Amino acid sequence: TDILFGLMKDVLDKETGRKDSPLRIVIMSATLDVEKFSKFFNNCPIFTIPGRVFPVSINYCCSDDAFDPNKLTYTSQVTRIVMDIHLDYAPGDILVFLTGQQEIETACDKIFKAAENIDYEYDVHSKHVRGMAILPLYGSLPTEQQQRVFRRPDKGIRRVIVSTNIAATSVTVDGVV
């Protein structure tokens, strides 16, 4: 992207001398140093669109010190934590970050198998939680399947979104606790 910004700046500099130039560049980012980019692009205007903030609880499955590769895989630990949250917490969706497609698919399979054994009358502490929708999210997933993440589930269904960092930097998913 750095090279692309440099090329865009060259094109912009060539176009600025023309009065009728149709060229407009819009750069959007949640993490960009806007002052630095404004200066780089000839002190261009900055528009800020406030985002919504949701309370989030962060649970780590293990630290590097505690991880023993001879024990459970970390996708198994993720499954255990997801199930603990699902069974013990009030309604709200769960967002899990993993590093790639293979790990995401493995974790989704494990969570699905664990969810098959839930007795919602006895195992789940919140009577408002009646089911779980397990949704993978990664860049090469077909667009239609990615869009499922943004659809509100039926009342009582908790979304478990198992994702790469695409959901940390590119999208906001309402309802994640």
N, C-alpha and C. Protein backbone atom coordinates (compact mmCIF):
# COMPACT_ATOMS: atom_id res chain seq x y z
N THR A 1 0.81 -1.21 0.00
CA THR A 1 0.00 0.00 0.00
C THR A 1 0.85 1.27 0.00
N ASP A 2 2.04 1.20 0.59
CA ASP A 2 2.90 2.39 0.58
C ASP A 2 3.24 2.82 -0.85
N ILE A 3 3.55 1.84 -1.70
CA ILE A 3 3.88 2.14 -3.09
C ILE A 3 2.67 2.72 -3.80
N LEU A 4 1.49 2.15 -3.52
CA LEU A 4 0.26 2.65 -4.13
C LEU A 4 0.01 4.11 -3.74
N PHE A 5 0.21 4.45 -2.46
CA PHE A 5 0.03 5.84 -2.03
C PHE A 5 1.02 6.77 -2.74
N GLY A 6 2.25 6.32 -2.92
CA GLY A 6 3.23 7.12 -3.63
C GLY A 6 2.82 7.36 -5.07
N LEU A 7 2.33 6.33 -5.74
CA LEU A 7 1.86 6.47 -7.12
C LEU A 7 0.64 7.39 -7.20
N MET A 8 -0.27 7.24 -6.23
CA MET A 8 -1.44 8.11 -6.20
C MET A 8 -1.03 9.57 -6.02
N LYS A 9 -0.04 9.82 -5.19
CA LYS A 9 0.44 11.19 -4.96
C LYS A 9 1.02 11.76 -6.25
N ASP A 10 1.80 10.97 -7.00
CA ASP A 10 2.36 11.43 -8.28
C ASP A 10 1.25 11.83 -9.25
N VAL A 11 0.23 10.98 -9.36
CA VAL A 11 -0.88 11.26 -10.26
C VAL A 11 -1.62 12.51 -9.80
N LEU A 12 -1.84 12.62 -8.48
CA LEU A 12 -2.54 13.78 -7.93
C LEU A 12 -1.77 15.07 -8.20
N ASP A 13 -0.45 15.03 -8.02
CA ASP A 13 0.37 16.21 -8.27
C ASP A 13 0.28 16.65 -9.74
N LYS A 14 0.21 15.69 -10.66
CA LYS A 14 0.11 16.03 -12.08
C LYS A 14 -1.27 16.61 -12.41
N GLU A 15 -2.29 16.13 -11.70
CA GLU A 15 -3.67 16.56 -11.98
C GLU A 15 -4.01 17.90 -11.33
N THR A 16 -3.31 18.30 -10.26
CA THR A 16 -3.68 19.51 -9.52
C THR A 16 -3.56 20.77 -10.36
N GLY A 17 -2.71 20.77 -11.35
CA GLY A 17 -2.56 21.95 -12.19
C GLY A 17 -3.74 22.17 -13.12
N ARG A 18 -4.53 21.15 -13.35
CA ARG A 18 -5.68 21.25 -14.26
C ARG A 18 -6.90 21.73 -13.49
N LYS A 19 -7.58 22.75 -14.00
CA LYS A 19 -8.77 23.28 -13.33
C LYS A 19 -9.95 22.32 -13.40
N ASP A 20 -10.05 21.57 -14.49
CA ASP A 20 -11.21 20.70 -14.70
C ASP A 20 -10.92 19.24 -14.36
N SER A 21 -9.93 18.99 -13.54
CA SER A 21 -9.55 17.61 -13.22
C SER A 21 -10.67 16.89 -12.47
N PRO A 22 -11.11 15.74 -12.97
CA PRO A 22 -12.15 14.98 -12.29
C PRO A 22 -11.61 14.07 -11.18
N LEU A 23 -10.30 14.06 -11.01
CA LEU A 23 -9.69 13.13 -10.07
C LEU A 23 -10.01 13.50 -8.63
N ARG A 24 -10.56 12.56 -7.89
CA ARG A 24 -10.80 12.70 -6.46
C ARG A 24 -10.29 11.42 -5.79
N ILE A 25 -9.57 11.57 -4.73
CA ILE A 25 -9.03 10.41 -4.01
C ILE A 25 -9.66 10.40 -2.62
N VAL A 26 -10.21 9.26 -2.24
CA VAL A 26 -10.79 9.09 -0.91
C VAL A 26 -10.03 7.95 -0.25
N ILE A 27 -9.47 8.22 0.92
CA ILE A 27 -8.75 7.20 1.69
C ILE A 27 -9.50 7.03 3.00
N MET A 28 -9.88 5.79 3.30
CA MET A 28 -10.61 5.52 4.53
C MET A 28 -9.83 4.52 5.37
N SER A 29 -9.75 4.79 6.65
CA SER A 29 -9.06 3.88 7.55
C SER A 29 -9.46 4.18 8.98
N ALA A 30 -9.52 3.14 9.78
CA ALA A 30 -9.80 3.32 11.20
C ALA A 30 -8.52 3.54 12.00
N THR A 31 -7.36 3.25 11.39
CA THR A 31 -6.11 3.29 12.14
C THR A 31 -5.06 4.22 11.55
N LEU A 32 -5.38 4.92 10.50
CA LEU A 32 -4.43 5.76 9.79
C LEU A 32 -4.07 7.01 10.60
N ASP A 33 -2.83 7.45 10.51
CA ASP A 33 -2.42 8.73 11.09
C ASP A 33 -2.90 9.81 10.11
N VAL A 34 -4.08 10.37 10.36
CA VAL A 34 -4.72 11.25 9.38
C VAL A 34 -3.95 12.54 9.14
N GLU A 35 -3.32 13.07 10.17
CA GLU A 35 -2.55 14.31 10.00
C GLU A 35 -1.38 14.09 9.04
N LYS A 36 -0.68 12.99 9.22
CA LYS A 36 0.46 12.67 8.37
C LYS A 36 0.03 12.50 6.91
N PHE A 37 -1.09 11.79 6.71
CA PHE A 37 -1.56 11.57 5.35
C PHE A 37 -2.10 12.85 4.72
N SER A 38 -2.73 13.69 5.51
CA SER A 38 -3.20 14.97 4.99
C SER A 38 -2.03 15.80 4.48
N LYS A 39 -0.96 15.87 5.26
CA LYS A 39 0.23 16.62 4.83
C LYS A 39 0.83 16.00 3.57
N PHE A 40 0.92 14.66 3.53
CA PHE A 40 1.50 13.97 2.37
C PHE A 40 0.69 14.27 1.10
N PHE A 41 -0.63 14.34 1.24
CA PHE A 41 -1.49 14.63 0.09
C PHE A 41 -1.86 16.11 0.03
N ASN A 42 -0.85 16.97 0.14
CA ASN A 42 -0.97 18.41 -0.06
C ASN A 42 -1.99 19.08 0.87
N ASN A 43 -1.97 18.67 2.14
CA ASN A 43 -2.87 19.23 3.15
C ASN A 43 -4.35 19.10 2.75
N CYS A 44 -4.68 17.93 2.29
CA CYS A 44 -6.07 17.66 1.89
C CYS A 44 -6.98 17.70 3.11
N PRO A 45 -8.28 17.92 2.89
CA PRO A 45 -9.21 17.96 4.03
C PRO A 45 -9.36 16.59 4.69
N ILE A 46 -9.68 16.62 5.98
CA ILE A 46 -9.89 15.39 6.76
C ILE A 46 -11.35 15.37 7.20
N PHE A 47 -12.01 14.27 6.95
CA PHE A 47 -13.38 14.07 7.40
C PHE A 47 -13.37 12.93 8.40
N THR A 48 -14.00 13.16 9.54
CA THR A 48 -14.06 12.12 10.56
C THR A 48 -15.51 11.67 10.71
N ILE A 49 -15.71 10.40 10.61
CA ILE A 49 -17.04 9.82 10.80
C ILE A 49 -16.96 8.97 12.06
N PRO A 50 -17.62 9.40 13.13
CA PRO A 50 -17.51 8.65 14.38
C PRO A 50 -18.12 7.26 14.25
N GLY A 51 -17.43 6.30 14.80
CA GLY A 51 -17.93 4.93 14.80
C GLY A 51 -18.66 4.64 16.09
N ARG A 52 -19.27 3.50 16.13
CA ARG A 52 -19.95 3.07 17.35
C ARG A 52 -19.01 2.20 18.15
N VAL A 53 -19.11 2.29 19.44
CA VAL A 53 -18.27 1.51 20.33
C VAL A 53 -19.17 0.56 21.12
N PHE A 54 -18.77 -0.68 21.19
CA PHE A 54 -19.52 -1.68 21.92
C PHE A 54 -18.64 -2.23 23.03
N PRO A 55 -19.22 -2.51 24.19
CA PRO A 55 -18.41 -3.12 25.24
C PRO A 55 -17.99 -4.53 24.80
N VAL A 56 -16.73 -4.86 25.03
CA VAL A 56 -16.19 -6.14 24.60
C VAL A 56 -15.43 -6.76 25.76
N SER A 57 -15.62 -8.04 25.96
CA SER A 57 -14.86 -8.79 26.95
C SER A 57 -13.83 -9.62 26.18
N ILE A 58 -12.57 -9.56 26.59
CA ILE A 58 -11.50 -10.28 25.90
C ILE A 58 -11.08 -11.47 26.75
N ASN A 59 -11.07 -12.66 26.14
CA ASN A 59 -10.63 -13.88 26.80
C ASN A 59 -9.54 -14.52 25.96
N TYR A 60 -8.39 -14.73 26.56
CA TYR A 60 -7.30 -15.40 25.85
C TYR A 60 -7.31 -16.87 26.22
N CYS A 61 -7.03 -17.73 25.23
CA CYS A 61 -7.09 -19.16 25.52
C CYS A 61 -5.86 -19.66 26.24
N CYS A 62 -4.73 -19.06 25.99
CA CYS A 62 -3.51 -19.50 26.66
C CYS A 62 -2.42 -18.49 26.39
N SER A 63 -1.38 -18.50 27.22
CA SER A 63 -0.22 -17.67 26.94
C SER A 63 0.88 -18.57 26.41
N ASP A 64 1.92 -17.98 25.88
CA ASP A 64 3.03 -18.78 25.36
C ASP A 64 3.66 -19.63 26.47
N ASP A 65 3.69 -19.09 27.70
CA ASP A 65 4.30 -19.82 28.80
C ASP A 65 3.53 -21.09 29.15
N ALA A 66 2.20 -21.01 29.08
CA ALA A 66 1.38 -22.14 29.52
C ALA A 66 1.12 -23.15 28.41
N PHE A 67 1.41 -22.81 27.17
CA PHE A 67 1.06 -23.69 26.06
C PHE A 67 1.98 -24.90 26.03
N ASP A 68 1.39 -26.06 26.01
CA ASP A 68 2.13 -27.31 25.89
C ASP A 68 1.62 -28.02 24.65
N PRO A 69 2.44 -28.11 23.60
CA PRO A 69 1.97 -28.71 22.35
C PRO A 69 1.61 -30.19 22.49
N ASN A 70 2.02 -30.84 23.59
CA ASN A 70 1.68 -32.24 23.79
C ASN A 70 0.27 -32.40 24.37
N LYS A 71 -0.31 -31.29 24.79
CA LYS A 71 -1.67 -31.34 25.33
C LYS A 71 -2.65 -30.94 24.23
N LEU A 72 -3.72 -30.28 24.59
CA LEU A 72 -4.73 -29.88 23.64
C LEU A 72 -4.19 -28.90 22.60
N THR A 73 -4.68 -28.99 21.38
CA THR A 73 -4.34 -27.98 20.39
C THR A 73 -5.05 -26.70 20.78
N TYR A 74 -4.56 -25.58 20.29
CA TYR A 74 -5.23 -24.35 20.70
C TYR A 74 -6.61 -24.22 20.08
N THR A 75 -6.90 -24.92 18.96
CA THR A 75 -8.28 -24.89 18.47
C THR A 75 -9.20 -25.64 19.43
N SER A 76 -8.67 -26.65 20.12
CA SER A 76 -9.45 -27.33 21.16
C SER A 76 -9.67 -26.40 22.34
N GLN A 77 -8.64 -25.62 22.70
CA GLN A 77 -8.79 -24.66 23.79
C GLN A 77 -9.78 -23.56 23.42
N VAL A 78 -9.74 -23.12 22.17
CA VAL A 78 -10.71 -22.12 21.70
C VAL A 78 -12.12 -22.70 21.82
N THR A 79 -12.29 -23.94 21.42
CA THR A 79 -13.60 -24.60 21.51
C THR A 79 -14.08 -24.63 22.95
N ARG A 80 -13.19 -24.98 23.87
CA ARG A 80 -13.57 -25.03 25.29
C ARG A 80 -14.02 -23.65 25.78
N ILE A 81 -13.27 -22.62 25.42
CA ILE A 81 -13.61 -21.26 25.88
C ILE A 81 -14.92 -20.79 25.25
N VAL A 82 -15.11 -21.05 23.97
CA VAL A 82 -16.37 -20.68 23.31
C VAL A 82 -17.54 -21.37 24.00
N MET A 83 -17.38 -22.64 24.29
CA MET A 83 -18.47 -23.37 24.95
C MET A 83 -18.72 -22.84 26.36
N ASP A 84 -17.66 -22.53 27.10
CA ASP A 84 -17.83 -21.95 28.44
C ASP A 84 -18.61 -20.64 28.37
N ILE A 85 -18.25 -19.78 27.43
CA ILE A 85 -18.95 -18.51 27.28
C ILE A 85 -20.41 -18.76 26.88
N HIS A 86 -20.60 -19.64 25.94
CA HIS A 86 -21.95 -19.92 25.44
C HIS A 86 -22.86 -20.46 26.55
N LEU A 87 -22.31 -21.34 27.36
CA LEU A 87 -23.12 -21.96 28.40
C LEU A 87 -23.33 -21.07 29.63
N ASP A 88 -22.35 -20.21 29.94
CA ASP A 88 -22.38 -19.47 31.21
C ASP A 88 -22.73 -18.00 31.12
N TYR A 89 -22.70 -17.40 29.92
CA TYR A 89 -22.91 -15.96 29.81
C TYR A 89 -24.27 -15.63 29.22
N ALA A 90 -24.70 -14.39 29.49
CA ALA A 90 -25.94 -13.87 28.93
C ALA A 90 -25.82 -13.75 27.41
N PRO A 91 -26.93 -13.49 26.73
CA PRO A 91 -26.88 -13.37 25.27
C PRO A 91 -25.87 -12.33 24.79
N GLY A 92 -25.32 -12.58 23.63
CA GLY A 92 -24.32 -11.73 23.00
C GLY A 92 -23.48 -12.62 22.12
N ASP A 93 -23.01 -12.08 21.02
CA ASP A 93 -22.25 -12.89 20.07
C ASP A 93 -20.79 -13.02 20.50
N ILE A 94 -20.11 -14.01 19.94
CA ILE A 94 -18.72 -14.30 20.27
C ILE A 94 -17.89 -14.15 19.00
N LEU A 95 -16.77 -13.43 19.12
CA LEU A 95 -15.85 -13.25 18.00
C LEU A 95 -14.52 -13.88 18.37
N VAL A 96 -14.07 -14.85 17.57
CA VAL A 96 -12.82 -15.57 17.81
C VAL A 96 -11.86 -15.22 16.68
N PHE A 97 -10.62 -14.86 17.05
CA PHE A 97 -9.61 -14.58 16.04
C PHE A 97 -8.62 -15.74 15.95
N LEU A 98 -8.43 -16.23 14.73
CA LEU A 98 -7.41 -17.24 14.45
C LEU A 98 -6.60 -16.75 13.25
N THR A 99 -5.55 -17.50 12.92
CA THR A 99 -4.61 -16.97 11.93
C THR A 99 -4.90 -17.32 10.48
N GLY A 100 -5.69 -18.35 10.21
CA GLY A 100 -5.88 -18.71 8.81
C GLY A 100 -7.08 -19.61 8.58
N GLN A 101 -7.36 -19.84 7.31
CA GLN A 101 -8.52 -20.60 6.89
C GLN A 101 -8.57 -22.01 7.50
N GLN A 102 -7.45 -22.73 7.45
CA GLN A 102 -7.43 -24.10 7.96
C GLN A 102 -7.79 -24.14 9.45
N GLU A 103 -7.20 -23.25 10.24
CA GLU A 103 -7.49 -23.21 11.67
C GLU A 103 -8.93 -22.82 11.93
N ILE A 104 -9.45 -21.90 11.14
CA ILE A 104 -10.83 -21.46 11.29
C ILE A 104 -11.79 -22.62 11.01
N GLU A 105 -11.55 -23.32 9.91
CA GLU A 105 -12.42 -24.44 9.57
C GLU A 105 -12.34 -25.55 10.62
N THR A 106 -11.13 -25.81 11.13
CA THR A 106 -10.96 -26.83 12.17
C THR A 106 -11.71 -26.42 13.43
N ALA A 107 -11.55 -25.16 13.84
CA ALA A 107 -12.23 -24.67 15.04
C ALA A 107 -13.75 -24.72 14.86
N CYS A 108 -14.25 -24.31 13.71
CA CYS A 108 -15.69 -24.35 13.45
C CYS A 108 -16.22 -25.78 13.56
N ASP A 109 -15.49 -26.74 13.00
CA ASP A 109 -15.90 -28.15 13.10
C ASP A 109 -15.94 -28.61 14.55
N LYS A 110 -14.92 -28.25 15.33
CA LYS A 110 -14.87 -28.66 16.74
C LYS A 110 -15.99 -28.02 17.55
N ILE A 111 -16.24 -26.74 17.30
CA ILE A 111 -17.32 -26.04 18.01
C ILE A 111 -18.67 -26.66 17.65
N PHE A 112 -18.86 -26.97 16.36
CA PHE A 112 -20.11 -27.59 15.92
C PHE A 112 -20.33 -28.93 16.62
N LYS A 113 -19.28 -29.75 16.69
CA LYS A 113 -19.40 -31.06 17.35
C LYS A 113 -19.72 -30.91 18.83
N ALA A 114 -19.08 -29.94 19.48
CA ALA A 114 -19.35 -29.70 20.91
C ALA A 114 -20.78 -29.18 21.10
N ALA A 115 -21.26 -28.35 20.19
CA ALA A 115 -22.59 -27.76 20.31
C ALA A 115 -23.70 -28.80 20.13
N GLU A 116 -23.39 -29.86 19.40
CA GLU A 116 -24.41 -30.91 19.19
C GLU A 116 -24.83 -31.57 20.50
N ASN A 117 -23.97 -31.52 21.51
CA ASN A 117 -24.25 -32.20 22.77
C ASN A 117 -24.92 -31.31 23.82
N ILE A 118 -25.25 -30.08 23.47
CA ILE A 118 -25.84 -29.15 24.45
C ILE A 118 -27.31 -29.48 24.67
N ASP A 119 -27.68 -29.56 25.94
CA ASP A 119 -29.09 -29.66 26.32
C ASP A 119 -29.47 -28.27 26.84
N TYR A 120 -30.19 -27.51 26.03
CA TYR A 120 -30.46 -26.11 26.37
C TYR A 120 -31.35 -25.94 27.59
N GLU A 121 -32.04 -26.99 27.97
CA GLU A 121 -32.88 -26.89 29.18
C GLU A 121 -32.03 -26.96 30.45
N TYR A 122 -30.95 -27.73 30.42
CA TYR A 122 -30.16 -27.96 31.64
C TYR A 122 -28.75 -27.36 31.59
N ASP A 123 -28.12 -27.30 30.42
CA ASP A 123 -26.71 -26.91 30.35
C ASP A 123 -26.48 -25.41 30.29
N VAL A 124 -27.40 -24.66 29.70
CA VAL A 124 -27.20 -23.22 29.47
C VAL A 124 -27.79 -22.44 30.64
N HIS A 125 -26.98 -21.53 31.22
CA HIS A 125 -27.42 -20.77 32.38
C HIS A 125 -28.42 -19.68 32.05
N SER A 126 -28.36 -19.13 30.87
CA SER A 126 -29.30 -18.07 30.46
C SER A 126 -30.43 -18.70 29.65
N LYS A 127 -31.63 -18.50 30.11
CA LYS A 127 -32.79 -19.05 29.39
C LYS A 127 -33.05 -18.30 28.08
N HIS A 128 -32.33 -17.18 27.87
CA HIS A 128 -32.49 -16.40 26.64
C HIS A 128 -31.59 -16.91 25.52
N VAL A 129 -30.69 -17.83 25.83
CA VAL A 129 -29.80 -18.41 24.82
C VAL A 129 -30.37 -19.77 24.44
N ARG A 130 -30.79 -19.90 23.18
CA ARG A 130 -31.46 -21.13 22.75
C ARG A 130 -30.73 -21.85 21.62
N GLY A 131 -29.63 -21.29 21.14
CA GLY A 131 -28.93 -21.93 20.05
C GLY A 131 -27.68 -21.16 19.66
N MET A 132 -26.98 -21.70 18.68
CA MET A 132 -25.70 -21.13 18.27
C MET A 132 -25.58 -21.23 16.75
N ALA A 133 -25.13 -20.13 16.14
CA ALA A 133 -24.82 -20.13 14.70
C ALA A 133 -23.31 -19.95 14.57
N ILE A 134 -22.63 -20.93 14.02
CA ILE A 134 -21.18 -20.91 13.89
C ILE A 134 -20.84 -20.40 12.49
N LEU A 135 -20.13 -19.26 12.45
CA LEU A 135 -19.90 -18.58 11.18
C LEU A 135 -18.42 -18.31 10.95
N PRO A 136 -17.81 -18.94 9.94
CA PRO A 136 -16.41 -18.62 9.61
C PRO A 136 -16.35 -17.29 8.86
N LEU A 137 -15.19 -16.61 8.95
CA LEU A 137 -15.00 -15.36 8.21
C LEU A 137 -13.51 -15.21 7.88
N TYR A 138 -13.19 -15.32 6.59
CA TYR A 138 -11.82 -15.11 6.12
C TYR A 138 -11.88 -14.61 4.68
N GLY A 139 -10.80 -14.04 4.21
CA GLY A 139 -10.77 -13.33 2.95
C GLY A 139 -11.19 -14.14 1.73
N SER A 140 -10.81 -15.41 1.64
CA SER A 140 -11.12 -16.19 0.44
C SER A 140 -12.49 -16.88 0.51
N LEU A 141 -13.23 -16.65 1.59
CA LEU A 141 -14.58 -17.20 1.71
C LEU A 141 -15.48 -16.47 0.71
N PRO A 142 -16.35 -17.17 -0.01
CA PRO A 142 -17.23 -16.49 -0.97
C PRO A 142 -18.03 -15.36 -0.29
N THR A 143 -18.25 -14.31 -1.03
CA THR A 143 -18.92 -13.11 -0.49
C THR A 143 -20.25 -13.44 0.16
N GLU A 144 -21.03 -14.30 -0.45
CA GLU A 144 -22.34 -14.66 0.11
C GLU A 144 -22.20 -15.26 1.51
N GLN A 145 -21.19 -16.10 1.70
CA GLN A 145 -20.98 -16.70 3.01
C GLN A 145 -20.44 -15.66 4.00
N GLN A 146 -19.61 -14.73 3.53
CA GLN A 146 -19.13 -13.66 4.41
C GLN A 146 -20.29 -12.81 4.89
N GLN A 147 -21.26 -12.57 4.04
CA GLN A 147 -22.40 -11.71 4.38
C GLN A 147 -23.27 -12.31 5.49
N ARG A 148 -23.24 -13.63 5.67
CA ARG A 148 -24.02 -14.27 6.74
C ARG A 148 -23.64 -13.73 8.11
N VAL A 149 -22.39 -13.32 8.26
CA VAL A 149 -21.91 -12.80 9.54
C VAL A 149 -22.70 -11.55 9.95
N PHE A 150 -23.15 -10.76 9.00
CA PHE A 150 -23.80 -9.49 9.29
C PHE A 150 -25.31 -9.60 9.45
N ARG A 151 -25.87 -10.74 9.16
CA ARG A 151 -27.32 -10.93 9.32
C ARG A 151 -27.62 -11.21 10.79
N ARG A 152 -28.60 -10.51 11.30
CA ARG A 152 -29.02 -10.74 12.68
C ARG A 152 -29.64 -12.14 12.79
N PRO A 153 -29.21 -12.91 13.77
CA PRO A 153 -29.81 -14.24 13.93
C PRO A 153 -31.19 -14.12 14.59
N ASP A 154 -31.93 -15.20 14.57
CA ASP A 154 -33.20 -15.23 15.27
C ASP A 154 -32.97 -15.00 16.76
N LYS A 155 -34.01 -14.53 17.44
CA LYS A 155 -33.91 -14.26 18.88
C LYS A 155 -33.46 -15.53 19.62
N GLY A 156 -32.48 -15.36 20.48
CA GLY A 156 -31.98 -16.48 21.28
C GLY A 156 -30.83 -17.24 20.65
N ILE A 157 -30.49 -16.91 19.42
CA ILE A 157 -29.38 -17.58 18.73
C ILE A 157 -28.13 -16.72 18.87
N ARG A 158 -27.07 -17.30 19.39
CA ARG A 158 -25.80 -16.60 19.57
C ARG A 158 -24.91 -16.88 18.35
N ARG A 159 -24.42 -15.82 17.72
CA ARG A 159 -23.47 -16.00 16.62
C ARG A 159 -22.08 -16.23 17.21
N VAL A 160 -21.39 -17.23 16.70
CA VAL A 160 -19.99 -17.46 17.02
C VAL A 160 -19.24 -17.25 15.72
N ILE A 161 -18.53 -16.11 15.63
CA ILE A 161 -17.83 -15.74 14.41
C ILE A 161 -16.37 -16.09 14.59
N VAL A 162 -15.88 -17.01 13.78
CA VAL A 162 -14.50 -17.47 13.85
C VAL A 162 -13.79 -16.87 12.65
N SER A 163 -12.85 -15.94 12.92
CA SER A 163 -12.35 -15.07 11.87
C SER A 163 -10.85 -14.88 11.90
N THR A 164 -10.32 -14.48 10.74
CA THR A 164 -8.97 -13.93 10.70
C THR A 164 -9.08 -12.49 11.17
N ASN A 165 -8.01 -11.75 11.10
CA ASN A 165 -8.06 -10.36 11.56
C ASN A 165 -8.84 -9.46 10.61
N ILE A 166 -9.48 -10.01 9.58
CA ILE A 166 -10.35 -9.22 8.70
C ILE A 166 -11.42 -8.52 9.54
N ALA A 167 -11.89 -9.17 10.60
CA ALA A 167 -12.93 -8.58 11.44
C ALA A 167 -12.36 -7.58 12.44
N ALA A 168 -11.05 -7.56 12.62
CA ALA A 168 -10.45 -6.60 13.54
C ALA A 168 -10.15 -5.29 12.84
N THR A 169 -9.86 -5.35 11.54
CA THR A 169 -9.39 -4.15 10.86
C THR A 169 -10.32 -3.65 9.77
N SER A 170 -11.22 -4.48 9.30
CA SER A 170 -11.98 -4.10 8.12
C SER A 170 -13.48 -3.98 8.33
N VAL A 171 -14.00 -4.62 9.34
CA VAL A 171 -15.45 -4.64 9.51
C VAL A 171 -15.81 -4.46 10.97
N THR A 172 -17.05 -4.04 11.20
CA THR A 172 -17.61 -3.99 12.55
C THR A 172 -18.81 -4.91 12.55
N VAL A 173 -18.86 -5.82 13.50
CA VAL A 173 -19.95 -6.76 13.61
C VAL A 173 -20.75 -6.39 14.85
N ASP A 174 -21.96 -5.89 14.66
CA ASP A 174 -22.81 -5.52 15.79
C ASP A 174 -23.16 -6.74 16.61
N GLY A 175 -23.23 -6.57 17.93
CA GLY A 175 -23.71 -7.63 18.81
C GLY A 175 -22.63 -8.46 19.47
N VAL A 176 -21.37 -8.27 19.11
CA VAL A 176 -20.29 -9.06 19.72
C VAL A 176 -20.04 -8.55 21.12
N VAL A 177 -19.98 -9.46 22.08
CA VAL A 177 -19.73 -9.05 23.47
C VAL A 177 -18.36 -9.43 23.89
